[in-house]
Amino acid sequence: MFNLFLGLIKKSKLNADDRAILRQLRRELKINPKNLDLYKIALIHKSASTFVSCNKSVNNERLEYLGDSILDAIITDYLFGQFPNQNEGFLTKMRSRIVSRNTLNNLAITIGLDKLVVSQTNNTLAQRHIFGDALEALIGAIYLDKGYRDTRSWVIKIILANHINLDELQLTETDYKSRIIEWAQKYKLPISFDNKEKETSKKESPLFESKLYINQKLMGSGFGNCKKEAEQNAAMVALERIDLITIPIQKINTESIGWEN
């Protein structure tokens, strides 16, 4: 299946760049690849896609898709064991906080993955997520190269044990959308999101803009590579602008608060 895709890349002896990647994988990331090509693909962002025979495009999007699912399974299994007395709602929130775009991006930079990723994008939003996406692609590569057991071991030992503090994570809030919806419902204020896809070049990832309205007034806007992310960012802006204690509710009910920009 994936071997056919890899077969499109011509086999060659390791060049200087390949040797540098191999050293980084072994020394910094504690990965000893069987198939280096998998890991090289995991480091190619869509904006730097390589075109091979039959005009096939090679980048890390497929590996990212695979790694995303594998990482979800590993995190779910890990949290299930770590918190035997917590319900599924708690476990879901904890998993969401670990696999959030910001967390994955920071993790990728922390382990040095940003030094290896190949990209040619000028999209500042996409740049913020390139490294987290590459981390998921790397996990997909490890899975194809070594199987689930080794992938799970790597994620737990290299990522979770060294860089995730579960006690601190319990106090971290990332679901801004749920918070703002709960707040609006508490005060019986209608709330809605207006989502639109922005035009981007073929080499760029999709870009969405979300505008958050409370009682038909614009309270926040945000961008993201998917609608969910854009809505979360819009909700975060709204929560930062709203003083949930001191701003009178009637202001939102009756006034234009000057947050339209």
C-alpha atoms as a PDB file:
ATOM      1  CA  MET A   1       0.000   0.000   0.000  1.00  0.00           C
ATOM      2  CA  PHE A   2       2.327   2.751   1.218  1.00  0.00           C
ATOM      3  CA  ASN A   3       5.291   0.823  -0.252  1.00  0.00           C
ATOM      4  CA  LEU A   4       3.939   1.615  -3.718  1.00  0.00           C
ATOM      5  CA  PHE A   5       3.995   5.291  -2.832  1.00  0.00           C
ATOM      6  CA  LEU A   6       7.546   5.014  -1.520  1.00  0.00           C
ATOM      7  CA  GLY A   7       8.576   3.168  -4.666  1.00  0.00           C
ATOM      8  CA  LEU A   8       8.026   6.345  -6.645  1.00  0.00           C
ATOM      9  CA  ILE A   9      11.120   7.806  -4.966  1.00  0.00           C
ATOM     10  CA  LYS A  10      14.361   6.681  -6.568  1.00  0.00           C
ATOM     11  CA  LYS A  11      16.654   4.772  -4.288  1.00  0.00           C
ATOM     12  CA  SER A  12      20.067   6.324  -3.774  1.00  0.00           C
ATOM     13  CA  LYS A  13      22.987   6.282  -1.374  1.00  0.00           C
ATOM     14  CA  LEU A  14      22.715   8.514   1.657  1.00  0.00           C
ATOM     15  CA  ASN A  15      23.802  12.061   0.868  1.00  0.00           C
ATOM     16  CA  ALA A  16      24.934  14.666   3.406  1.00  0.00           C
ATOM     17  CA  ASP A  17      21.359  15.801   4.131  1.00  0.00           C
ATOM     18  CA  ASP A  18      20.198  12.223   4.643  1.00  0.00           C
ATOM     19  CA  ARG A  19      23.054  11.547   7.046  1.00  0.00           C
ATOM     20  CA  ALA A  20      22.191  14.699   8.987  1.00  0.00           C
ATOM     21  CA  ILE A  21      18.546  13.612   9.267  1.00  0.00           C
ATOM     22  CA  LEU A  22      19.626  10.142  10.357  1.00  0.00           C
ATOM     23  CA  ARG A  23      21.893  11.573  13.070  1.00  0.00           C
ATOM     24  CA  GLN A  24      19.104  13.812  14.335  1.00  0.00           C
ATOM     25  CA  LEU A  25      16.602  10.957  14.400  1.00  0.00           C
ATOM     26  CA  ARG A  26      18.994   8.702  16.289  1.00  0.00           C
ATOM     27  CA  ARG A  27      20.576  11.151  18.716  1.00  0.00           C
ATOM     28  CA  GLU A  28      17.826  13.641  19.484  1.00  0.00           C
ATOM     29  CA  LEU A  29      14.627  11.708  18.809  1.00  0.00           C
ATOM     30  CA  LYS A  30      15.881   8.229  19.779  1.00  0.00           C
ATOM     31  CA  ILE A  31      14.583   6.699  16.549  1.00  0.00           C
ATOM     32  CA  ASN A  32      16.620   4.155  14.597  1.00  0.00           C
ATOM     33  CA  PRO A  33      14.867   4.021  11.203  1.00  0.00           C
ATOM     34  CA  LYS A  34      14.566   0.919   9.110  1.00  0.00           C
ATOM     35  CA  ASN A  35      13.234   2.919   6.165  1.00  0.00           C
ATOM     36  CA  LEU A  36      14.634   6.452   6.160  1.00  0.00           C
ATOM     37  CA  ASP A  37      12.454   7.481   3.202  1.00  0.00           C
ATOM     38  CA  LEU A  38       9.372   7.340   5.417  1.00  0.00           C
ATOM     39  CA  TYR A  39      10.859   9.878   7.791  1.00  0.00           C
ATOM     40  CA  LYS A  40      12.068  12.116   4.977  1.00  0.00           C
ATOM     41  CA  ILE A  41       8.508  12.255   3.643  1.00  0.00           C
ATOM     42  CA  ALA A  42       7.211  13.037   7.137  1.00  0.00           C
ATOM     43  CA  LEU A  43       9.342  16.187   7.091  1.00  0.00           C
ATOM     44  CA  ILE A  44       8.081  17.568   3.749  1.00  0.00           C
ATOM     45  CA  HIS A  45       5.330  20.153   4.145  1.00  0.00           C
ATOM     46  CA  LYS A  46       2.766  20.479   1.360  1.00  0.00           C
ATOM     47  CA  SER A  47       4.287  23.808   0.293  1.00  0.00           C
ATOM     48  CA  ALA A  48       7.547  22.016  -0.523  1.00  0.00           C
ATOM     49  CA  SER A  49       5.998  18.994  -2.248  1.00  0.00           C
ATOM     50  CA  THR A  50       8.281  16.939  -4.454  1.00  0.00           C
ATOM     51  CA  PHE A  51       6.890  15.751  -7.789  1.00  0.00           C
ATOM     52  CA  VAL A  52       8.064  12.355  -9.001  1.00  0.00           C
ATOM     53  CA  SER A  53       7.117  10.056 -11.870  1.00  0.00           C
ATOM     54  CA  CYS A  54       3.508  10.170 -13.126  1.00  0.00           C
ATOM     55  CA  ASN A  55       3.341  13.678 -11.636  1.00  0.00           C
ATOM     56  CA  LYS A  56       2.772  12.242  -8.157  1.00  0.00           C
ATOM     57  CA  SER A  57       3.097  14.754  -5.328  1.00  0.00           C
ATOM     58  CA  VAL A  58       5.116  13.676  -2.290  1.00  0.00           C
ATOM     59  CA  ASN A  59       4.525  15.444   1.036  1.00  0.00           C
ATOM     60  CA  ASN A  60       3.615  14.570   4.620  1.00  0.00           C
ATOM     61  CA  GLU A  61      -0.178  15.024   4.439  1.00  0.00           C
ATOM     62  CA  ARG A  62      -1.007  11.302   4.245  1.00  0.00           C
ATOM     63  CA  LEU A  63       1.412  10.479   7.053  1.00  0.00           C
ATOM     64  CA  GLU A  64      -0.051  13.325   9.118  1.00  0.00           C
ATOM     65  CA  TYR A  65      -3.536  11.853   8.630  1.00  0.00           C
ATOM     66  CA  LEU A  66      -2.316   8.444   9.749  1.00  0.00           C
ATOM     67  CA  GLY A  67      -0.264   9.785  12.656  1.00  0.00           C
ATOM     68  CA  ASP A  68      -3.196  11.823  13.936  1.00  0.00           C
ATOM     69  CA  SER A  69      -5.286   8.666  14.361  1.00  0.00           C
ATOM     70  CA  ILE A  70      -2.424   6.652  15.871  1.00  0.00           C
ATOM     71  CA  LEU A  71      -1.622   9.426  18.342  1.00  0.00           C
ATOM     72  CA  ASP A  72      -5.273   9.664  19.401  1.00  0.00           C
ATOM     73  CA  ALA A  73      -5.330   5.920  20.111  1.00  0.00           C
ATOM     74  CA  ILE A  74      -2.085   6.048  22.092  1.00  0.00           C
ATOM     75  CA  ILE A  75      -3.157   9.058  24.174  1.00  0.00           C
ATOM     76  CA  THR A  76      -6.581   7.518  24.844  1.00  0.00           C
ATOM     77  CA  ASP A  77      -5.003   4.265  26.024  1.00  0.00           C
ATOM     78  CA  TYR A  78      -2.412   6.115  28.132  1.00  0.00           C
ATOM     79  CA  LEU A  79      -4.939   8.377  29.887  1.00  0.00           C
ATOM     80  CA  PHE A  80      -7.294   5.446  30.489  1.00  0.00           C
ATOM     81  CA  GLY A  81      -4.538   3.796  32.507  1.00  0.00           C
ATOM     82  CA  GLN A  82      -3.363   6.957  34.255  1.00  0.00           C
ATOM     83  CA  PHE A  83      -6.819   7.989  35.477  1.00  0.00           C
ATOM     84  CA  PRO A  84      -8.739   4.792  36.367  1.00  0.00           C
ATOM     85  CA  ASN A  85     -11.375   6.664  38.380  1.00  0.00           C
ATOM     86  CA  GLN A  86     -12.175   9.482  35.945  1.00  0.00           C
ATOM     87  CA  ASN A  87     -15.133   9.506  33.541  1.00  0.00           C
ATOM     88  CA  GLU A  88     -15.004   9.760  29.768  1.00  0.00           C
ATOM     89  CA  GLY A  89     -15.691  13.511  29.810  1.00  0.00           C
ATOM     90  CA  PHE A  90     -12.545  14.177  31.837  1.00  0.00           C
ATOM     91  CA  LEU A  91     -10.472  11.827  29.670  1.00  0.00           C
ATOM     92  CA  THR A  92     -11.733  13.475  26.475  1.00  0.00           C
ATOM     93  CA  LYS A  93     -10.789  16.944  27.742  1.00  0.00           C
ATOM     94  CA  MET A  94      -7.320  15.776  28.750  1.00  0.00           C
ATOM     95  CA  ARG A  95      -6.762  14.132  25.381  1.00  0.00           C
ATOM     96  CA  SER A  96      -7.907  17.284  23.580  1.00  0.00           C
ATOM     97  CA  ARG A  97      -5.430  19.358  25.544  1.00  0.00           C
ATOM     98  CA  ILE A  98      -2.534  17.047  24.658  1.00  0.00           C
ATOM     99  CA  VAL A  99      -3.342  16.816  20.934  1.00  0.00           C
ATOM    100  CA  SER A 100      -4.300  20.470  20.450  1.00  0.00           C
ATOM    101  CA  ARG A 101      -2.520  22.284  17.606  1.00  0.00           C
ATOM    102  CA  ASN A 102      -0.662  24.595  19.986  1.00  0.00           C
ATOM    103  CA  THR A 103       0.516  21.762  22.235  1.00  0.00           C
ATOM    104  CA  LEU A 104       1.723  19.613  19.340  1.00  0.00           C
ATOM    105  CA  ASN A 105       3.464  22.573  17.734  1.00  0.00           C
ATOM    106  CA  ASN A 106       5.284  23.411  20.976  1.00  0.00           C
ATOM    107  CA  LEU A 107       6.226  19.765  21.483  1.00  0.00           C
ATOM    108  CA  ALA A 108       7.639  19.532  17.964  1.00  0.00           C
ATOM    109  CA  ILE A 109       9.793  22.609  18.534  1.00  0.00           C
ATOM    110  CA  THR A 110      10.910  21.355  21.945  1.00  0.00           C
ATOM    111  CA  ILE A 111      12.225  18.080  20.509  1.00  0.00           C
ATOM    112  CA  GLY A 112      13.949  19.888  17.623  1.00  0.00           C
ATOM    113  CA  LEU A 113      11.675  18.832  14.801  1.00  0.00           C
ATOM    114  CA  ASP A 114      11.485  22.411  13.522  1.00  0.00           C
ATOM    115  CA  LYS A 115      15.120  22.158  12.395  1.00  0.00           C
ATOM    116  CA  LEU A 116      14.299  19.275  10.060  1.00  0.00           C
ATOM    117  CA  VAL A 117      11.003  20.285   8.431  1.00  0.00           C
ATOM    118  CA  VAL A 118      11.154  21.392   4.791  1.00  0.00           C
ATOM    119  CA  SER A 119       8.630  24.079   3.812  1.00  0.00           C
ATOM    120  CA  GLN A 120       8.192  26.971   1.404  1.00  0.00           C
ATOM    121  CA  THR A 121       5.101  28.671   2.791  1.00  0.00           C
ATOM    122  CA  ASN A 122       4.596  32.377   3.419  1.00  0.00           C
ATOM    123  CA  ASN A 123       1.328  31.806   5.272  1.00  0.00           C
ATOM    124  CA  THR A 124       2.076  32.870   8.851  1.00  0.00           C
ATOM    125  CA  LEU A 125      -0.860  30.878  10.228  1.00  0.00           C
ATOM    126  CA  ALA A 126       0.263  27.729   8.421  1.00  0.00           C
ATOM    127  CA  GLN A 127       3.800  28.278   9.689  1.00  0.00           C
ATOM    128  CA  ARG A 128       2.547  28.083  13.272  1.00  0.00           C
ATOM    129  CA  HIS A 129       1.191  24.585  12.655  1.00  0.00           C
ATOM    130  CA  ILE A 130       3.764  23.106  10.299  1.00  0.00           C
ATOM    131  CA  PHE A 131       5.826  21.584  13.084  1.00  0.00           C
ATOM    132  CA  GLY A 132       2.894  20.062  14.970  1.00  0.00           C
ATOM    133  CA  ASP A 133       1.631  18.577  11.709  1.00  0.00           C
ATOM    134  CA  ALA A 134       5.120  17.181  11.077  1.00  0.00           C
ATOM    135  CA  LEU A 135       5.101  15.582  14.532  1.00  0.00           C
ATOM    136  CA  GLU A 136       1.906  13.725  13.636  1.00  0.00           C
ATOM    137  CA  ALA A 137       3.461  12.735  10.299  1.00  0.00           C
ATOM    138  CA  LEU A 138       6.551  11.493  12.151  1.00  0.00           C
ATOM    139  CA  ILE A 139       4.338   9.325  14.359  1.00  0.00           C
ATOM    140  CA  GLY A 140       2.708   7.958  11.205  1.00  0.00           C
ATOM    141  CA  ALA A 141       6.164   7.156   9.827  1.00  0.00           C
ATOM    142  CA  ILE A 142       7.220   5.368  13.018  1.00  0.00           C
ATOM    143  CA  TYR A 143       4.012   3.325  12.910  1.00  0.00           C
ATOM    144  CA  LEU A 144       4.600   2.199   9.309  1.00  0.00           C
ATOM    145  CA  ASP A 145       8.283   1.560   9.974  1.00  0.00           C
ATOM    146  CA  LYS A 146       8.098  -0.189  13.347  1.00  0.00           C
ATOM    147  CA  GLY A 147       4.480  -0.992  14.221  1.00  0.00           C
ATOM    148  CA  TYR A 148       2.067   0.133  16.913  1.00  0.00           C
ATOM    149  CA  ARG A 149       3.903  -1.226  19.964  1.00  0.00           C
ATOM    150  CA  ASP A 150       7.146   0.634  19.208  1.00  0.00           C
ATOM    151  CA  THR A 151       5.215   3.778  18.271  1.00  0.00           C
ATOM    152  CA  ARG A 152       3.309   3.710  21.547  1.00  0.00           C
ATOM    153  CA  SER A 153       6.546   3.213  23.466  1.00  0.00           C
ATOM    154  CA  TRP A 154       8.193   6.160  21.681  1.00  0.00           C
ATOM    155  CA  VAL A 155       5.268   8.533  22.268  1.00  0.00           C
ATOM    156  CA  ILE A 156       5.078   7.666  25.970  1.00  0.00           C
ATOM    157  CA  LYS A 157       8.837   7.716  26.671  1.00  0.00           C
ATOM    158  CA  ILE A 158       9.954  10.601  24.478  1.00  0.00           C
ATOM    159  CA  ILE A 159       6.874  12.845  24.442  1.00  0.00           C
ATOM    160  CA  LEU A 160       4.590  12.204  27.393  1.00  0.00           C
ATOM    161  CA  ALA A 161       7.091  11.273  30.097  1.00  0.00           C
ATOM    162  CA  ASN A 162       9.479  14.134  29.280  1.00  0.00           C
ATOM    163  CA  HIS A 163       7.241  16.971  28.176  1.00  0.00           C
ATOM    164  CA  ILE A 164       3.679  16.531  29.476  1.00  0.00           C
ATOM    165  CA  ASN A 165       2.816  17.277  33.110  1.00  0.00           C
ATOM    166  CA  LEU A 166      -0.607  15.735  33.693  1.00  0.00           C
ATOM    167  CA  ASP A 167      -1.152  17.660  36.940  1.00  0.00           C
ATOM    168  CA  GLU A 168      -0.549  21.002  35.232  1.00  0.00           C
ATOM    169  CA  LEU A 169      -2.540  19.908  32.211  1.00  0.00           C
ATOM    170  CA  GLN A 170      -5.647  19.434  34.333  1.00  0.00           C
ATOM    171  CA  LEU A 171      -5.550  23.164  35.088  1.00  0.00           C
ATOM    172  CA  THR A 172      -5.091  24.197  31.442  1.00  0.00           C
ATOM    173  CA  GLU A 173      -8.083  25.468  29.490  1.00  0.00           C
ATOM    174  CA  THR A 174      -8.168  24.957  25.728  1.00  0.00           C
ATOM    175  CA  ASP A 175     -11.881  24.482  24.950  1.00  0.00           C
ATOM    176  CA  TYR A 176     -12.715  28.173  24.615  1.00  0.00           C
ATOM    177  CA  LYS A 177     -15.744  27.463  22.447  1.00  0.00           C
ATOM    178  CA  SER A 178     -17.494  25.455  25.161  1.00  0.00           C
ATOM    179  CA  ARG A 179     -16.741  28.142  27.746  1.00  0.00           C
ATOM    180  CA  ILE A 180     -18.179  30.979  25.673  1.00  0.00           C
ATOM    181  CA  ILE A 181     -21.270  28.931  24.757  1.00  0.00           C
ATOM    182  CA  GLU A 182     -21.888  28.082  28.424  1.00  0.00           C
ATOM    183  CA  TRP A 183     -21.485  31.743  29.344  1.00  0.00           C
ATOM    184  CA  ALA A 184     -23.919  32.903  26.639  1.00  0.00           C
ATOM    185  CA  GLN A 185     -26.470  30.266  27.635  1.00  0.00           C
ATOM    186  CA  LYS A 186     -26.179  31.289  31.282  1.00  0.00           C
ATOM    187  CA  TYR A 187     -27.268  34.820  30.406  1.00  0.00           C
ATOM    188  CA  LYS A 188     -29.753  33.651  27.739  1.00  0.00           C
ATOM    189  CA  LEU A 189     -27.864  35.386  24.917  1.00  0.00           C
ATOM    190  CA  PRO A 190     -28.047  33.995  21.349  1.00  0.00           C
ATOM    191  CA  ILE A 191     -24.641  32.938  20.052  1.00  0.00           C
ATOM    192  CA  SER A 192     -23.516  31.930  16.565  1.00  0.00           C
ATOM    193  CA  PHE A 193     -20.397  31.354  14.453  1.00  0.00           C
ATOM    194  CA  ASP A 194     -20.067  32.534  10.855  1.00  0.00           C
ATOM    195  CA  ASN A 195     -17.419  30.423   9.086  1.00  0.00           C
ATOM    196  CA  LYS A 196     -15.881  31.091   5.673  1.00  0.00           C
ATOM    197  CA  GLU A 197     -13.037  29.457   3.782  1.00  0.00           C
ATOM    198  CA  LYS A 198     -10.420  31.939   2.599  1.00  0.00           C
ATOM    199  CA  GLU A 199      -8.700  31.649  -0.767  1.00  0.00           C
ATOM    200  CA  THR A 200      -5.188  30.174  -0.634  1.00  0.00           C
ATOM    201  CA  SER A 201      -2.714  28.923  -3.208  1.00  0.00           C
ATOM    202  CA  LYS A 202      -2.744  25.267  -4.212  1.00  0.00           C
ATOM    203  CA  LYS A 203       0.381  24.619  -2.157  1.00  0.00           C
ATOM    204  CA  GLU A 204      -1.081  26.152   1.003  1.00  0.00           C
ATOM    205  CA  SER A 205      -3.282  24.373   3.501  1.00  0.00           C
ATOM    206  CA  PRO A 206      -6.950  25.446   3.645  1.00  0.00           C
ATOM    207  CA  LEU A 207      -7.585  28.558   5.728  1.00  0.00           C
ATOM    208  CA  PHE A 208     -10.847  29.303   7.530  1.00  0.00           C
ATOM    209  CA  GLU A 209     -12.085  32.451   9.227  1.00  0.00           C
ATOM    210  CA  SER A 210     -14.691  32.309  11.979  1.00  0.00           C
ATOM    211  CA  LYS A 211     -16.615  35.260  13.391  1.00  0.00           C
ATOM    212  CA  LEU A 212     -18.363  34.865  16.723  1.00  0.00           C
ATOM    213  CA  TYR A 213     -21.576  36.796  17.323  1.00  0.00           C
ATOM    214  CA  ILE A 214     -23.346  37.143  20.649  1.00  0.00           C
ATOM    215  CA  ASN A 215     -26.776  38.753  20.444  1.00  0.00           C
ATOM    216  CA  GLN A 216     -25.950  39.628  16.800  1.00  0.00           C
ATOM    217  CA  LYS A 217     -22.837  41.604  17.816  1.00  0.00           C
ATOM    218  CA  LEU A 218     -19.348  40.642  16.702  1.00  0.00           C
ATOM    219  CA  MET A 219     -17.377  39.592  19.770  1.00  0.00           C
ATOM    220  CA  GLY A 220     -14.360  37.856  18.240  1.00  0.00           C
ATOM    221  CA  SER A 221     -12.830  36.505  15.066  1.00  0.00           C
ATOM    222  CA  GLY A 222     -10.190  33.864  14.460  1.00  0.00           C
ATOM    223  CA  PHE A 223      -8.410  31.893  11.764  1.00  0.00           C
ATOM    224  CA  GLY A 224      -7.482  28.226  11.502  1.00  0.00           C
ATOM    225  CA  ASN A 225      -6.641  25.369   9.162  1.00  0.00           C
ATOM    226  CA  CYS A 226     -10.088  23.902   9.895  1.00  0.00           C
ATOM    227  CA  LYS A 227     -13.429  25.317  11.013  1.00  0.00           C
ATOM    228  CA  LYS A 228     -13.052  23.879  14.507  1.00  0.00           C
ATOM    229  CA  GLU A 229      -9.718  25.593  15.047  1.00  0.00           C
ATOM    230  CA  ALA A 230     -10.996  28.906  13.672  1.00  0.00           C
ATOM    231  CA  GLU A 231     -14.005  28.751  16.028  1.00  0.00           C
ATOM    232  CA  GLN A 232     -11.764  28.021  19.015  1.00  0.00           C
ATOM    233  CA  ASN A 233      -9.580  31.012  18.161  1.00  0.00           C
ATOM    234  CA  ALA A 234     -12.608  33.279  17.738  1.00  0.00           C
ATOM    235  CA  ALA A 235     -13.962  32.104  21.090  1.00  0.00           C
ATOM    236  CA  MET A 236     -10.580  32.718  22.751  1.00  0.00           C
ATOM    237  CA  VAL A 237     -10.575  36.314  21.463  1.00  0.00           C
ATOM    238  CA  ALA A 238     -14.117  36.838  22.722  1.00  0.00           C
ATOM    239  CA  LEU A 239     -13.255  35.508  26.189  1.00  0.00           C
ATOM    240  CA  GLU A 240     -10.228  37.797  26.367  1.00  0.00           C
ATOM    241  CA  ARG A 241     -12.379  40.790  25.483  1.00  0.00           C
ATOM    242  CA  ILE A 242     -15.257  40.004  27.807  1.00  0.00           C
ATOM    243  CA  ASP A 243     -14.771  40.666  31.490  1.00  0.00           C
ATOM    244  CA  LEU A 244     -17.151  37.986  32.711  1.00  0.00           C
ATOM    245  CA  ILE A 245     -17.520  39.726  36.061  1.00  0.00           C
ATOM    246  CA  THR A 246     -17.517  43.493  35.424  1.00  0.00           C
ATOM    247  CA  ILE A 247     -19.051  44.082  31.989  1.00  0.00           C
ATOM    248  CA  PRO A 248     -22.822  44.543  32.445  1.00  0.00           C
ATOM    249  CA  ILE A 249     -24.846  42.114  30.385  1.00  0.00           C
ATOM    250  CA  GLN A 250     -27.073  44.942  29.158  1.00  0.00           C
ATOM    251  CA  LYS A 251     -24.063  46.378  27.314  1.00  0.00           C
ATOM    252  CA  ILE A 252     -23.961  43.305  25.121  1.00  0.00           C
ATOM    253  CA  ASN A 253     -27.740  43.363  24.864  1.00  0.00           C
ATOM    254  CA  THR A 254     -28.107  46.999  23.837  1.00  0.00           C
ATOM    255  CA  GLU A 255     -24.824  48.606  22.803  1.00  0.00           C
ATOM    256  CA  SER A 256     -22.342  48.308  19.989  1.00  0.00           C
ATOM    257  CA  ILE A 257     -19.179  47.798  22.018  1.00  0.00           C
ATOM    258  CA  GLY A 258     -16.728  48.828  19.336  1.00  0.00           C
ATOM    259  CA  TRP A 259     -15.145  45.401  18.799  1.00  0.00           C
ATOM    260  CA  GLU A 260     -15.978  45.148  15.149  1.00  0.00           C
ATOM    261  CA  ASN A 261     -12.332  45.340  13.989  1.00  0.00           C
END
